[in-house]
Amino acid sequence: MILADLPMQKEAAETAIAELGGRAAFVSVDVSDEESVKSMVCDAVEVFGGLDIMVSNAGILKAGSLSEMDSATFERVNKVNYTGYFYCAKYASEIMKAQYEANNKMWSDIIQINSKSGLTGSKNNFAYAGGKFGGIGLTQSFALELAPFQIKVNAVCPGNYYDGPLWSDPEKGLFVQYLKAGKVSGAKTIEDVKKHYLSLTPINRGCMPEDVAKAVFYCVEQCFETGQAIPVTGGQVMLS
């Protein structure tokens, strides 16, 4: 397994590698940079001899209204969330297609960790939601192109992981961002914002890492689904 992230995350990655019993390696990558992604894939093949699964998990979010959002921020969000997924799929699929040509019994998987915001619009969060909607379009299109090579391409769309730093960081977390952006009408405190979001989910809790992991395992283990966007939202978003 390759754990790939920005250089600043190396220490956290090495902790995870130790927990995995050393059966992994860290590779530095910036998914918004094409050459960096290409190098990451090459490093993975060099270390492990091939590439069976690519999970495109990098993402950033910056909330704000149309009047507040500047073009540089909009482009940065989409460079990571949308274009980064394209780079990962592009270079991973090159290896996976070569593996299929060598062994036509080989199956491979490309999985994007998308978001419930890729399934439904998100007030004052259009940069993130737009990129995630686009990611599902990429997923469906890649699935059609890569199916002849037995490469399945799916997206997992988690609900809100409230306990993680994305939401709960006291300075930059989404509870803080959404309070400042006025995303939740009438909310005056961070706790008001949190209560609002918990009330939207029939299963009254946030999404957890193990919920997402089970959806990823499903994508890999089944052989008859491709081009899908799988909600993991506790019922907050239901497909029609």
C-alpha atoms as a PDB file:
ATOM      1  CA  MET A   1       0.000   0.000   0.000  1.00  0.00           C
ATOM      2  CA  ILE A   2       1.188   3.501  -0.840  1.00  0.00           C
ATOM      3  CA  LEU A   3       0.095   6.352   1.442  1.00  0.00           C
ATOM      4  CA  ALA A   4       0.513   9.508  -0.627  1.00  0.00           C
ATOM      5  CA  ASP A   5       0.116  13.026   0.707  1.00  0.00           C
ATOM      6  CA  LEU A   6       1.783  16.403   0.952  1.00  0.00           C
ATOM      7  CA  PRO A   7       5.252  16.349   2.551  1.00  0.00           C
ATOM      8  CA  MET A   8       3.918  17.968   5.721  1.00  0.00           C
ATOM      9  CA  GLN A   9       1.833  14.830   6.365  1.00  0.00           C
ATOM     10  CA  LYS A  10       4.786  12.425   6.324  1.00  0.00           C
ATOM     11  CA  GLU A  11       4.907  11.984  10.094  1.00  0.00           C
ATOM     12  CA  ALA A  12       1.200  11.092  10.291  1.00  0.00           C
ATOM     13  CA  ALA A  13       1.619   8.680   7.364  1.00  0.00           C
ATOM     14  CA  GLU A  14       4.555   6.966   9.052  1.00  0.00           C
ATOM     15  CA  THR A  15       2.424   6.427  12.156  1.00  0.00           C
ATOM     16  CA  ALA A  16      -0.201   4.738   9.995  1.00  0.00           C
ATOM     17  CA  ILE A  17       2.467   2.645   8.269  1.00  0.00           C
ATOM     18  CA  ALA A  18       3.686   1.405  11.661  1.00  0.00           C
ATOM     19  CA  GLU A  19       0.111   0.439  12.584  1.00  0.00           C
ATOM     20  CA  LEU A  20      -0.086  -1.543   9.333  1.00  0.00           C
ATOM     21  CA  GLY A  21       2.972  -3.529  10.330  1.00  0.00           C
ATOM     22  CA  GLY A  22       5.197  -1.841   7.794  1.00  0.00           C
ATOM     23  CA  ARG A  23       3.238  -3.166   4.810  1.00  0.00           C
ATOM     24  CA  ALA A  24       3.070   0.295   3.285  1.00  0.00           C
ATOM     25  CA  ALA A  25       5.235   3.157   2.120  1.00  0.00           C
ATOM     26  CA  PHE A  26       4.900   6.929   2.055  1.00  0.00           C
ATOM     27  CA  VAL A  27       5.178   8.915  -1.170  1.00  0.00           C
ATOM     28  CA  SER A  28       5.023  12.692  -1.306  1.00  0.00           C
ATOM     29  CA  VAL A  29       2.488  14.060  -3.798  1.00  0.00           C
ATOM     30  CA  ASP A  30       0.627  17.229  -4.708  1.00  0.00           C
ATOM     31  CA  VAL A  31      -2.389  16.059  -6.707  1.00  0.00           C
ATOM     32  CA  SER A  32      -2.802  19.495  -8.272  1.00  0.00           C
ATOM     33  CA  ASP A  33       0.549  19.000 -10.028  1.00  0.00           C
ATOM     34  CA  GLU A  34       0.529  16.569 -12.948  1.00  0.00           C
ATOM     35  CA  GLU A  35       4.199  15.618 -12.761  1.00  0.00           C
ATOM     36  CA  SER A  36       3.889  14.964  -9.032  1.00  0.00           C
ATOM     37  CA  VAL A  37       1.009  12.533  -9.633  1.00  0.00           C
ATOM     38  CA  LYS A  38       2.874  10.809 -12.449  1.00  0.00           C
ATOM     39  CA  SER A  39       5.896  10.381 -10.162  1.00  0.00           C
ATOM     40  CA  MET A  40       3.685   8.998  -7.374  1.00  0.00           C
ATOM     41  CA  VAL A  41       2.313   6.285  -9.660  1.00  0.00           C
ATOM     42  CA  CYS A  42       5.808   5.400 -10.879  1.00  0.00           C
ATOM     43  CA  ASP A  43       7.026   5.148  -7.293  1.00  0.00           C
ATOM     44  CA  ALA A  44       4.124   2.850  -6.399  1.00  0.00           C
ATOM     45  CA  VAL A  45       4.934   0.516  -9.272  1.00  0.00           C
ATOM     46  CA  GLU A  46       8.628   0.556  -8.393  1.00  0.00           C
ATOM     47  CA  VAL A  47       7.973  -0.367  -4.751  1.00  0.00           C
ATOM     48  CA  PHE A  48       5.209  -2.944  -5.207  1.00  0.00           C
ATOM     49  CA  GLY A  49       5.575  -4.097  -8.804  1.00  0.00           C
ATOM     50  CA  GLY A  50       2.154  -2.991 -10.013  1.00  0.00           C
ATOM     51  CA  LEU A  51      -1.019  -1.061  -9.218  1.00  0.00           C
ATOM     52  CA  ASP A  52      -4.354  -2.743  -8.492  1.00  0.00           C
ATOM     53  CA  ILE A  53      -6.347   0.020  -6.791  1.00  0.00           C
ATOM     54  CA  MET A  54      -6.164   3.798  -6.936  1.00  0.00           C
ATOM     55  CA  VAL A  55      -8.178   5.685  -4.323  1.00  0.00           C
ATOM     56  CA  SER A  56      -8.330   9.385  -5.170  1.00  0.00           C
ATOM     57  CA  ASN A  57      -8.996  10.882  -1.760  1.00  0.00           C
ATOM     58  CA  ALA A  58      -7.377  14.337  -1.734  1.00  0.00           C
ATOM     59  CA  GLY A  59      -9.742  17.248  -1.269  1.00  0.00           C
ATOM     60  CA  ILE A  60      -9.972  20.796   0.003  1.00  0.00           C
ATOM     61  CA  LEU A  61     -12.959  22.979   0.790  1.00  0.00           C
ATOM     62  CA  LYS A  62     -13.463  26.712   1.078  1.00  0.00           C
ATOM     63  CA  ALA A  63     -16.973  27.939   1.801  1.00  0.00           C
ATOM     64  CA  GLY A  64     -18.224  31.316   0.647  1.00  0.00           C
ATOM     65  CA  SER A  65     -20.945  33.088  -1.287  1.00  0.00           C
ATOM     66  CA  LEU A  66     -20.714  34.177  -4.913  1.00  0.00           C
ATOM     67  CA  SER A  67     -19.943  37.721  -3.821  1.00  0.00           C
ATOM     68  CA  GLU A  68     -17.186  36.596  -1.430  1.00  0.00           C
ATOM     69  CA  MET A  69     -15.407  33.911  -3.453  1.00  0.00           C
ATOM     70  CA  ASP A  70     -12.398  35.078  -5.459  1.00  0.00           C
ATOM     71  CA  SER A  71     -11.304  33.326  -8.629  1.00  0.00           C
ATOM     72  CA  ALA A  72      -7.969  32.161  -7.198  1.00  0.00           C
ATOM     73  CA  THR A  73      -9.713  30.277  -4.379  1.00  0.00           C
ATOM     74  CA  PHE A  74     -12.279  28.816  -6.776  1.00  0.00           C
ATOM     75  CA  GLU A  75      -9.550  27.576  -9.105  1.00  0.00           C
ATOM     76  CA  ARG A  76      -7.463  26.148  -6.255  1.00  0.00           C
ATOM     77  CA  VAL A  77     -10.400  24.116  -4.906  1.00  0.00           C
ATOM     78  CA  ASN A  78     -11.140  22.684  -8.330  1.00  0.00           C
ATOM     79  CA  LYS A  79      -7.478  22.054  -9.144  1.00  0.00           C
ATOM     80  CA  VAL A  80      -7.321  19.641  -6.202  1.00  0.00           C
ATOM     81  CA  ASN A  81     -10.834  18.187  -6.159  1.00  0.00           C
ATOM     82  CA  TYR A  82     -11.529  17.885  -9.901  1.00  0.00           C
ATOM     83  CA  THR A  83      -8.302  18.109 -11.892  1.00  0.00           C
ATOM     84  CA  GLY A  84      -6.393  16.088  -9.285  1.00  0.00           C
ATOM     85  CA  TYR A  85      -8.811  13.202  -9.778  1.00  0.00           C
ATOM     86  CA  PHE A  86      -8.240  13.385 -13.529  1.00  0.00           C
ATOM     87  CA  TYR A  87      -4.468  13.164 -13.024  1.00  0.00           C
ATOM     88  CA  CYS A  88      -4.811  10.183 -10.675  1.00  0.00           C
ATOM     89  CA  ALA A  89      -7.108   8.304 -13.053  1.00  0.00           C
ATOM     90  CA  LYS A  90      -4.970   9.135 -16.079  1.00  0.00           C
ATOM     91  CA  TYR A  91      -1.702   7.760 -14.756  1.00  0.00           C
ATOM     92  CA  ALA A  92      -3.171   4.891 -12.745  1.00  0.00           C
ATOM     93  CA  SER A  93      -5.123   3.649 -15.769  1.00  0.00           C
ATOM     94  CA  GLU A  94      -1.973   3.532 -17.901  1.00  0.00           C
ATOM     95  CA  ILE A  95      -0.474   0.950 -15.545  1.00  0.00           C
ATOM     96  CA  MET A  96      -3.758  -0.921 -15.126  1.00  0.00           C
ATOM     97  CA  LYS A  97      -4.282  -1.216 -18.886  1.00  0.00           C
ATOM     98  CA  ALA A  98      -0.769  -2.590 -19.310  1.00  0.00           C
ATOM     99  CA  GLN A  99      -1.427  -5.141 -16.571  1.00  0.00           C
ATOM    100  CA  TYR A 100      -4.627  -6.235 -18.320  1.00  0.00           C
ATOM    101  CA  GLU A 101      -2.792  -6.644 -21.616  1.00  0.00           C
ATOM    102  CA  ALA A 102      -0.321  -8.922 -19.830  1.00  0.00           C
ATOM    103  CA  ASN A 103      -3.052 -10.870 -18.006  1.00  0.00           C
ATOM    104  CA  ASN A 104      -6.639 -10.598 -19.237  1.00  0.00           C
ATOM    105  CA  LYS A 105      -7.952 -12.081 -15.991  1.00  0.00           C
ATOM    106  CA  MET A 106      -6.747  -8.987 -14.138  1.00  0.00           C
ATOM    107  CA  TRP A 107      -9.305  -6.587 -12.611  1.00  0.00           C
ATOM    108  CA  SER A 108      -8.396  -3.136 -11.283  1.00  0.00           C
ATOM    109  CA  ASP A 109     -10.244  -0.329  -9.507  1.00  0.00           C
ATOM    110  CA  ILE A 110     -10.179   3.449  -9.526  1.00  0.00           C
ATOM    111  CA  ILE A 111     -12.251   4.925  -6.707  1.00  0.00           C
ATOM    112  CA  GLN A 112     -12.862   8.587  -6.029  1.00  0.00           C
ATOM    113  CA  ILE A 113     -13.811   9.644  -2.519  1.00  0.00           C
ATOM    114  CA  ASN A 114     -16.413  12.151  -3.602  1.00  0.00           C
ATOM    115  CA  SER A 115     -19.025  13.684  -1.253  1.00  0.00           C
ATOM    116  CA  LYS A 116     -22.736  14.026  -0.644  1.00  0.00           C
ATOM    117  CA  SER A 117     -22.096  17.498  -2.093  1.00  0.00           C
ATOM    118  CA  GLY A 118     -21.512  15.738  -5.413  1.00  0.00           C
ATOM    119  CA  LEU A 119     -25.123  14.531  -5.305  1.00  0.00           C
ATOM    120  CA  THR A 120     -26.964  17.663  -4.204  1.00  0.00           C
ATOM    121  CA  GLY A 121     -26.227  21.382  -4.263  1.00  0.00           C
ATOM    122  CA  SER A 122     -24.648  23.061  -1.262  1.00  0.00           C
ATOM    123  CA  LYS A 123     -25.469  26.644  -0.298  1.00  0.00           C
ATOM    124  CA  ASN A 124     -22.434  28.964  -0.058  1.00  0.00           C
ATOM    125  CA  ASN A 125     -20.251  25.976  -0.946  1.00  0.00           C
ATOM    126  CA  PHE A 126     -20.442  25.996  -4.733  1.00  0.00           C
ATOM    127  CA  ALA A 127     -16.721  25.625  -5.462  1.00  0.00           C
ATOM    128  CA  TYR A 128     -16.558  22.333  -3.596  1.00  0.00           C
ATOM    129  CA  ALA A 129     -19.955  21.042  -4.736  1.00  0.00           C
ATOM    130  CA  GLY A 130     -19.316  21.973  -8.357  1.00  0.00           C
ATOM    131  CA  GLY A 131     -16.023  20.101  -8.423  1.00  0.00           C
ATOM    132  CA  LYS A 132     -17.613  17.065  -6.776  1.00  0.00           C
ATOM    133  CA  PHE A 133     -20.522  17.056  -9.255  1.00  0.00           C
ATOM    134  CA  GLY A 134     -17.866  17.160 -11.961  1.00  0.00           C
ATOM    135  CA  GLY A 135     -16.064  14.267 -10.308  1.00  0.00           C
ATOM    136  CA  ILE A 136     -19.133  12.070 -10.751  1.00  0.00           C
ATOM    137  CA  GLY A 137     -19.211  13.023 -14.419  1.00  0.00           C
ATOM    138  CA  LEU A 138     -15.573  11.979 -14.689  1.00  0.00           C
ATOM    139  CA  THR A 139     -16.333   8.724 -12.863  1.00  0.00           C
ATOM    140  CA  GLN A 140     -19.103   7.775 -15.271  1.00  0.00           C
ATOM    141  CA  SER A 141     -17.042   8.733 -18.318  1.00  0.00           C
ATOM    142  CA  PHE A 142     -13.888   6.949 -17.131  1.00  0.00           C
ATOM    143  CA  ALA A 143     -16.000   3.855 -16.373  1.00  0.00           C
ATOM    144  CA  LEU A 144     -17.237   3.692 -19.960  1.00  0.00           C
ATOM    145  CA  GLU A 145     -13.759   4.163 -21.394  1.00  0.00           C
ATOM    146  CA  LEU A 146     -11.938   1.738 -19.121  1.00  0.00           C
ATOM    147  CA  ALA A 147     -14.452  -1.121 -18.863  1.00  0.00           C
ATOM    148  CA  PRO A 148     -12.883  -3.009 -21.817  1.00  0.00           C
ATOM    149  CA  PHE A 149      -9.697  -3.246 -19.745  1.00  0.00           C
ATOM    150  CA  GLN A 150     -11.578  -4.618 -16.711  1.00  0.00           C
ATOM    151  CA  ILE A 151     -10.957  -1.413 -14.791  1.00  0.00           C
ATOM    152  CA  LYS A 152     -13.939  -0.498 -12.629  1.00  0.00           C
ATOM    153  CA  VAL A 153     -14.376   3.187 -11.784  1.00  0.00           C
ATOM    154  CA  ASN A 154     -16.699   4.229  -8.957  1.00  0.00           C
ATOM    155  CA  ALA A 155     -17.206   7.090  -6.543  1.00  0.00           C
ATOM    156  CA  VAL A 156     -18.013   6.908  -2.841  1.00  0.00           C
ATOM    157  CA  CYS A 157     -20.003   9.877  -1.547  1.00  0.00           C
ATOM    158  CA  PRO A 158     -19.645  10.221   2.230  1.00  0.00           C
ATOM    159  CA  GLY A 159     -21.787  12.330   4.459  1.00  0.00           C
ATOM    160  CA  ASN A 160     -20.305  14.655   7.026  1.00  0.00           C
ATOM    161  CA  TYR A 161     -17.483  13.386   9.277  1.00  0.00           C
ATOM    162  CA  TYR A 162     -18.106  15.759  12.155  1.00  0.00           C
ATOM    163  CA  ASP A 163     -15.401  14.405  14.448  1.00  0.00           C
ATOM    164  CA  GLY A 164     -12.548  15.006  12.002  1.00  0.00           C
ATOM    165  CA  PRO A 165     -10.489  18.192  11.599  1.00  0.00           C
ATOM    166  CA  LEU A 166     -12.279  19.157   8.369  1.00  0.00           C
ATOM    167  CA  TRP A 167     -15.379  19.947  10.424  1.00  0.00           C
ATOM    168  CA  SER A 168     -14.140  20.384  13.979  1.00  0.00           C
ATOM    169  CA  ASP A 169     -10.901  22.361  13.675  1.00  0.00           C
ATOM    170  CA  PRO A 170     -11.530  25.361  15.991  1.00  0.00           C
ATOM    171  CA  GLU A 171     -10.044  27.878  13.529  1.00  0.00           C
ATOM    172  CA  LYS A 172     -10.551  26.561   9.986  1.00  0.00           C
ATOM    173  CA  GLY A 173     -13.137  23.792  10.402  1.00  0.00           C
ATOM    174  CA  LEU A 174     -16.398  23.792   8.484  1.00  0.00           C
ATOM    175  CA  PHE A 175     -18.481  24.492  11.577  1.00  0.00           C
ATOM    176  CA  VAL A 176     -16.563  27.766  11.872  1.00  0.00           C
ATOM    177  CA  GLN A 177     -16.608  28.467   8.122  1.00  0.00           C
ATOM    178  CA  TYR A 178     -20.327  27.800   7.800  1.00  0.00           C
ATOM    179  CA  LEU A 179     -21.154  29.956  10.813  1.00  0.00           C
ATOM    180  CA  LYS A 180     -19.180  32.872   9.327  1.00  0.00           C
ATOM    181  CA  ALA A 181     -20.610  32.317   5.838  1.00  0.00           C
ATOM    182  CA  GLY A 182     -24.197  32.326   7.132  1.00  0.00           C
ATOM    183  CA  LYS A 183     -24.810  28.911   5.601  1.00  0.00           C
ATOM    184  CA  VAL A 184     -27.202  27.894   8.399  1.00  0.00           C
ATOM    185  CA  SER A 185     -30.003  30.395   8.773  1.00  0.00           C
ATOM    186  CA  GLY A 186     -30.405  31.660  12.337  1.00  0.00           C
ATOM    187  CA  ALA A 187     -27.296  29.939  13.682  1.00  0.00           C
ATOM    188  CA  LYS A 188     -25.420  32.025  16.220  1.00  0.00           C
ATOM    189  CA  THR A 189     -22.904  29.503  17.537  1.00  0.00           C
ATOM    190  CA  ILE A 190     -20.892  26.556  16.289  1.00  0.00           C
ATOM    191  CA  GLU A 191     -23.137  24.289  18.344  1.00  0.00           C
ATOM    192  CA  ASP A 192     -26.168  25.672  16.463  1.00  0.00           C
ATOM    193  CA  VAL A 193     -24.519  24.721  13.174  1.00  0.00           C
ATOM    194  CA  LYS A 194     -23.689  21.224  14.421  1.00  0.00           C
ATOM    195  CA  LYS A 195     -27.225  20.600  15.714  1.00  0.00           C
ATOM    196  CA  HIS A 196     -28.623  21.676  12.353  1.00  0.00           C
ATOM    197  CA  TYR A 197     -26.523  19.164  10.441  1.00  0.00           C
ATOM    198  CA  LEU A 198     -27.213  16.311  12.830  1.00  0.00           C
ATOM    199  CA  SER A 199     -30.945  16.968  12.415  1.00  0.00           C
ATOM    200  CA  LEU A 200     -30.696  16.345   8.651  1.00  0.00           C
ATOM    201  CA  THR A 201     -29.651  12.699   8.999  1.00  0.00           C
ATOM    202  CA  PRO A 202     -32.290  10.021   9.771  1.00  0.00           C
ATOM    203  CA  ILE A 203     -29.532   7.977  11.400  1.00  0.00           C
ATOM    204  CA  ASN A 204     -28.691  10.654  13.917  1.00  0.00           C
ATOM    205  CA  ARG A 205     -24.894  10.754  13.707  1.00  0.00           C
ATOM    206  CA  GLY A 206     -22.111  11.752  11.386  1.00  0.00           C
ATOM    207  CA  CYS A 207     -20.327   9.555   8.877  1.00  0.00           C
ATOM    208  CA  MET A 208     -17.323   7.659  10.243  1.00  0.00           C
ATOM    209  CA  PRO A 209     -14.159   6.411   8.492  1.00  0.00           C
ATOM    210  CA  GLU A 210     -15.287   2.788   8.811  1.00  0.00           C
ATOM    211  CA  ASP A 211     -18.512   3.622   6.947  1.00  0.00           C
ATOM    212  CA  VAL A 212     -16.477   4.924   4.020  1.00  0.00           C
ATOM    213  CA  ALA A 213     -14.071   1.979   4.174  1.00  0.00           C
ATOM    214  CA  LYS A 214     -16.939  -0.511   3.837  1.00  0.00           C
ATOM    215  CA  ALA A 215     -18.153   1.280   0.702  1.00  0.00           C
ATOM    216  CA  VAL A 216     -14.635   1.196  -0.754  1.00  0.00           C
ATOM    217  CA  PHE A 217     -14.384  -2.540  -0.007  1.00  0.00           C
ATOM    218  CA  TYR A 218     -17.705  -3.058  -1.780  1.00  0.00           C
ATOM    219  CA  CYS A 219     -16.421  -1.264  -4.871  1.00  0.00           C
ATOM    220  CA  VAL A 220     -13.399  -3.544  -4.997  1.00  0.00           C
ATOM    221  CA  GLU A 221     -15.023  -6.860  -4.074  1.00  0.00           C
ATOM    222  CA  GLN A 222     -17.960  -6.759  -6.483  1.00  0.00           C
ATOM    223  CA  CYS A 223     -17.448  -7.312 -10.210  1.00  0.00           C
ATOM    224  CA  PHE A 224     -20.687  -5.918 -11.615  1.00  0.00           C
ATOM    225  CA  GLU A 225     -20.762  -2.229 -10.731  1.00  0.00           C
ATOM    226  CA  THR A 226     -18.940   0.575 -12.481  1.00  0.00           C
ATOM    227  CA  GLY A 227     -19.685   4.249 -12.998  1.00  0.00           C
ATOM    228  CA  GLN A 228     -21.608   4.439  -9.723  1.00  0.00           C
ATOM    229  CA  ALA A 229     -21.773   7.179  -7.087  1.00  0.00           C
ATOM    230  CA  ILE A 230     -22.492   5.388  -3.816  1.00  0.00           C
ATOM    231  CA  PRO A 231     -24.019   7.510  -1.013  1.00  0.00           C
ATOM    232  CA  VAL A 232     -22.766   6.901   2.521  1.00  0.00           C
ATOM    233  CA  THR A 233     -24.851   9.593   4.179  1.00  0.00           C
ATOM    234  CA  GLY A 234     -27.024   7.936   6.815  1.00  0.00           C
ATOM    235  CA  GLY A 235     -30.046   8.730   4.652  1.00  0.00           C
ATOM    236  CA  GLN A 236     -29.350  12.455   4.362  1.00  0.00           C
ATOM    237  CA  VAL A 237     -29.121  12.044   0.588  1.00  0.00           C
ATOM    238  CA  MET A 238     -31.255   9.358  -1.038  1.00  0.00           C
ATOM    239  CA  LEU A 239     -30.967   8.438  -4.711  1.00  0.00           C
ATOM    240  CA  SER A 240     -34.090   8.758  -6.846  1.00  0.00           C
END
